Amino acid sequence: MEYVKMIWDFMGEAGQNTAKHFEIHLKEFLSRDQVPYKKIGMETPIEQQHNLIYLIVEMSYVDQLRAALKPHRGQKVTLED
């Protein structure tokens, strides 16, 4: 099965709080629309002013989610089921 990691970037001093808030709404959206997903998470790369939220979903949901949620970027990932 193919998976995609959809990524939203949040920059600046308020980036971490904004990212956490976005994660709440992302989970609400997925629950409401009954979209199955593998994982949601938050990462803070080395740059302290950069936070990101990611969502890993099956490739078949990418077009639907891209249109509705407008991620900043994405990448294919390999998961062990």
N, C-alpha and C. Protein backbone atom coordinates (compact mmCIF):
# COMPACT_ATOMS: atom_id res chain seq x y z
N MET A 1 0.84 -1.17 0.00
CA MET A 1 0.00 0.00 0.00
C MET A 1 0.89 1.24 0.00
N GLU A 2 0.47 2.27 -0.75
CA GLU A 2 1.24 3.51 -0.80
C GLU A 2 0.67 4.53 0.18
N TYR A 3 1.57 5.24 0.86
CA TYR A 3 1.18 6.26 1.82
C TYR A 3 1.86 7.59 1.49
N VAL A 4 1.22 8.66 1.92
CA VAL A 4 1.76 10.00 1.73
C VAL A 4 1.77 10.71 3.07
N LYS A 5 2.84 11.43 3.32
CA LYS A 5 2.97 12.28 4.50
C LYS A 5 2.66 13.70 4.05
N MET A 6 1.51 14.22 4.45
CA MET A 6 1.11 15.58 4.12
C MET A 6 1.62 16.48 5.24
N ILE A 7 2.19 17.64 4.87
CA ILE A 7 2.88 18.48 5.84
C ILE A 7 2.40 19.92 5.77
N TRP A 8 2.17 20.48 6.96
CA TRP A 8 1.83 21.90 7.11
C TRP A 8 2.91 22.54 7.96
N ASP A 9 3.51 23.63 7.47
CA ASP A 9 4.58 24.33 8.18
C ASP A 9 4.04 25.54 8.92
N PHE A 10 4.57 25.76 10.11
CA PHE A 10 4.20 26.92 10.92
C PHE A 10 5.49 27.57 11.43
N MET A 11 5.67 28.84 11.09
CA MET A 11 6.92 29.55 11.39
C MET A 11 6.69 30.65 12.42
N GLY A 12 7.78 31.09 13.00
CA GLY A 12 7.76 32.23 13.89
C GLY A 12 7.55 31.85 15.35
N GLU A 13 7.52 32.88 16.17
CA GLU A 13 7.40 32.67 17.61
C GLU A 13 6.10 31.98 18.01
N ALA A 14 5.02 32.26 17.31
CA ALA A 14 3.73 31.65 17.62
C ALA A 14 3.51 30.34 16.87
N GLY A 15 4.50 29.90 16.11
CA GLY A 15 4.36 28.71 15.28
C GLY A 15 3.96 27.46 16.02
N GLN A 16 4.55 27.23 17.18
CA GLN A 16 4.25 26.01 17.93
C GLN A 16 2.80 26.01 18.40
N ASN A 17 2.34 27.13 18.94
CA ASN A 17 0.95 27.19 19.40
C ASN A 17 -0.02 27.08 18.23
N THR A 18 0.31 27.70 17.11
CA THR A 18 -0.55 27.62 15.93
C THR A 18 -0.60 26.19 15.41
N ALA A 19 0.55 25.52 15.41
CA ALA A 19 0.60 24.13 14.95
C ALA A 19 -0.25 23.23 15.84
N LYS A 20 -0.15 23.40 17.14
CA LYS A 20 -0.96 22.59 18.07
C LYS A 20 -2.46 22.83 17.85
N HIS A 21 -2.81 24.08 17.62
CA HIS A 21 -4.21 24.41 17.37
C HIS A 21 -4.69 23.80 16.05
N PHE A 22 -3.86 23.87 15.02
CA PHE A 22 -4.20 23.28 13.73
C PHE A 22 -4.40 21.77 13.87
N GLU A 23 -3.56 21.13 14.67
CA GLU A 23 -3.66 19.67 14.86
C GLU A 23 -5.03 19.29 15.43
N ILE A 24 -5.54 20.09 16.34
CA ILE A 24 -6.87 19.84 16.92
C ILE A 24 -7.93 19.87 15.82
N HIS A 25 -7.89 20.91 15.00
CA HIS A 25 -8.88 21.04 13.93
C HIS A 25 -8.71 19.97 12.85
N LEU A 26 -7.47 19.56 12.60
CA LEU A 26 -7.22 18.50 11.63
C LEU A 26 -7.87 17.20 12.10
N LYS A 27 -7.72 16.87 13.37
CA LYS A 27 -8.33 15.65 13.92
C LYS A 27 -9.86 15.73 13.86
N GLU A 28 -10.40 16.91 14.15
CA GLU A 28 -11.86 17.10 14.06
C GLU A 28 -12.34 16.87 12.63
N PHE A 29 -11.63 17.42 11.66
CA PHE A 29 -11.99 17.27 10.25
C PHE A 29 -11.98 15.79 9.85
N LEU A 30 -10.92 15.09 10.20
CA LEU A 30 -10.79 13.68 9.83
C LEU A 30 -11.89 12.83 10.47
N SER A 31 -12.23 13.15 11.70
CA SER A 31 -13.29 12.42 12.39
C SER A 31 -14.65 12.71 11.74
N ARG A 32 -14.91 13.98 11.49
CA ARG A 32 -16.19 14.37 10.91
C ARG A 32 -16.39 13.74 9.53
N ASP A 33 -15.35 13.75 8.71
CA ASP A 33 -15.45 13.22 7.35
C ASP A 33 -15.10 11.74 7.27
N GLN A 34 -14.84 11.13 8.42
CA GLN A 34 -14.53 9.70 8.52
C GLN A 34 -13.40 9.28 7.58
N VAL A 35 -12.32 10.04 7.62
CA VAL A 35 -11.14 9.74 6.81
C VAL A 35 -10.17 8.93 7.66
N PRO A 36 -9.87 7.70 7.27
CA PRO A 36 -8.91 6.91 8.04
C PRO A 36 -7.49 7.43 7.79
N TYR A 37 -6.68 7.37 8.82
CA TYR A 37 -5.29 7.82 8.68
C TYR A 37 -4.40 6.91 9.52
N LYS A 38 -3.12 6.93 9.18
CA LYS A 38 -2.16 6.10 9.90
C LYS A 38 -1.57 6.83 11.10
N LYS A 39 -1.26 8.13 10.91
CA LYS A 39 -0.60 8.85 12.00
C LYS A 39 -0.71 10.35 11.80
N ILE A 40 -0.83 11.07 12.90
CA ILE A 40 -0.76 12.53 12.93
C ILE A 40 0.30 12.87 13.96
N GLY A 41 1.12 13.86 13.66
CA GLY A 41 2.15 14.22 14.62
C GLY A 41 2.65 15.63 14.41
N MET A 42 3.47 16.06 15.36
CA MET A 42 4.08 17.38 15.29
C MET A 42 5.58 17.20 15.41
N GLU A 43 6.32 17.94 14.61
CA GLU A 43 7.78 17.91 14.68
C GLU A 43 8.30 19.33 14.78
N THR A 44 9.41 19.47 15.47
CA THR A 44 10.11 20.74 15.52
C THR A 44 11.52 20.46 15.01
N PRO A 45 11.78 20.78 13.74
CA PRO A 45 13.13 20.58 13.22
C PRO A 45 14.14 21.42 14.01
N ILE A 46 15.39 21.33 13.64
CA ILE A 46 16.46 22.00 14.36
C ILE A 46 16.19 23.50 14.53
N GLU A 47 15.61 24.12 13.50
CA GLU A 47 15.30 25.54 13.61
C GLU A 47 14.15 25.72 14.60
N GLN A 48 14.37 26.42 15.67
CA GLN A 48 13.36 26.58 16.72
C GLN A 48 12.14 27.37 16.27
N GLN A 49 12.27 28.16 15.22
CA GLN A 49 11.16 28.98 14.75
C GLN A 49 10.33 28.25 13.69
N HIS A 50 10.51 26.94 13.58
CA HIS A 50 9.80 26.14 12.58
C HIS A 50 9.17 24.93 13.25
N ASN A 51 7.87 24.79 13.09
CA ASN A 51 7.14 23.62 13.58
C ASN A 51 6.31 23.08 12.42
N LEU A 52 6.07 21.81 12.45
CA LEU A 52 5.23 21.25 11.40
C LEU A 52 4.29 20.21 11.96
N ILE A 53 3.14 20.11 11.31
CA ILE A 53 2.16 19.07 11.59
C ILE A 53 2.15 18.16 10.37
N TYR A 54 2.14 16.86 10.61
CA TYR A 54 2.05 15.94 9.48
C TYR A 54 0.90 14.96 9.68
N LEU A 55 0.44 14.46 8.55
CA LEU A 55 -0.64 13.49 8.50
C LEU A 55 -0.24 12.43 7.50
N ILE A 56 -0.26 11.17 7.91
CA ILE A 56 0.06 10.07 6.99
C ILE A 56 -1.22 9.35 6.64
N VAL A 57 -1.51 9.31 5.33
CA VAL A 57 -2.73 8.69 4.81
C VAL A 57 -2.40 7.83 3.61
N GLU A 58 -3.34 6.96 3.25
CA GLU A 58 -3.21 6.18 2.03
C GLU A 58 -3.28 7.12 0.83
N MET A 59 -2.58 6.75 -0.21
CA MET A 59 -2.51 7.55 -1.42
C MET A 59 -3.91 7.87 -1.98
N SER A 60 -4.87 6.99 -1.80
CA SER A 60 -6.20 7.18 -2.37
C SER A 60 -6.94 8.38 -1.78
N TYR A 61 -6.50 8.89 -0.62
CA TYR A 61 -7.16 10.04 0.01
C TYR A 61 -6.47 11.38 -0.29
N VAL A 62 -5.36 11.34 -0.97
CA VAL A 62 -4.55 12.54 -1.16
C VAL A 62 -5.30 13.65 -1.91
N ASP A 63 -5.93 13.34 -3.02
CA ASP A 63 -6.61 14.38 -3.80
C ASP A 63 -7.71 15.04 -2.99
N GLN A 64 -8.50 14.25 -2.30
CA GLN A 64 -9.59 14.78 -1.47
C GLN A 64 -9.04 15.69 -0.38
N LEU A 65 -8.02 15.24 0.33
CA LEU A 65 -7.47 16.02 1.43
C LEU A 65 -6.68 17.23 0.94
N ARG A 66 -6.00 17.09 -0.17
CA ARG A 66 -5.24 18.23 -0.71
C ARG A 66 -6.18 19.36 -1.06
N ALA A 67 -7.31 19.05 -1.67
CA ALA A 67 -8.28 20.08 -2.05
C ALA A 67 -8.89 20.75 -0.83
N ALA A 68 -9.18 19.98 0.20
CA ALA A 68 -9.87 20.52 1.38
C ALA A 68 -8.92 21.20 2.37
N LEU A 69 -7.71 20.66 2.53
CA LEU A 69 -6.83 21.10 3.62
C LEU A 69 -5.59 21.87 3.16
N LYS A 70 -5.29 21.84 1.89
CA LYS A 70 -4.19 22.59 1.30
C LYS A 70 -2.86 22.48 2.07
N PRO A 71 -2.30 21.27 2.11
CA PRO A 71 -1.00 21.12 2.78
C PRO A 71 0.08 21.90 2.03
N HIS A 72 1.13 22.26 2.73
CA HIS A 72 2.22 23.01 2.12
C HIS A 72 3.11 22.12 1.26
N ARG A 73 3.20 20.87 1.64
CA ARG A 73 4.02 19.92 0.88
C ARG A 73 3.66 18.50 1.27
N GLY A 74 4.26 17.55 0.60
CA GLY A 74 3.99 16.16 0.89
C GLY A 74 5.10 15.29 0.34
N GLN A 75 5.13 14.06 0.82
CA GLN A 75 6.13 13.11 0.33
C GLN A 75 5.62 11.70 0.53
N LYS A 76 6.00 10.84 -0.38
CA LYS A 76 5.65 9.44 -0.23
C LYS A 76 6.45 8.84 0.90
N VAL A 77 5.82 7.96 1.66
CA VAL A 77 6.51 7.28 2.76
C VAL A 77 6.21 5.79 2.69
N THR A 78 7.09 5.01 3.26
CA THR A 78 6.91 3.58 3.34
C THR A 78 6.64 3.21 4.80
N LEU A 79 5.55 2.53 5.02
CA LEU A 79 5.18 2.09 6.37
C LEU A 79 5.15 0.59 6.41
N GLU A 80 5.45 0.07 7.56
CA GLU A 80 5.35 -1.38 7.78
C GLU A 80 4.01 -1.63 8.43
N ASP A 81 3.16 -2.40 7.77
CA ASP A 81 1.82 -2.68 8.31
C ASP A 81 1.82 -3.73 9.38
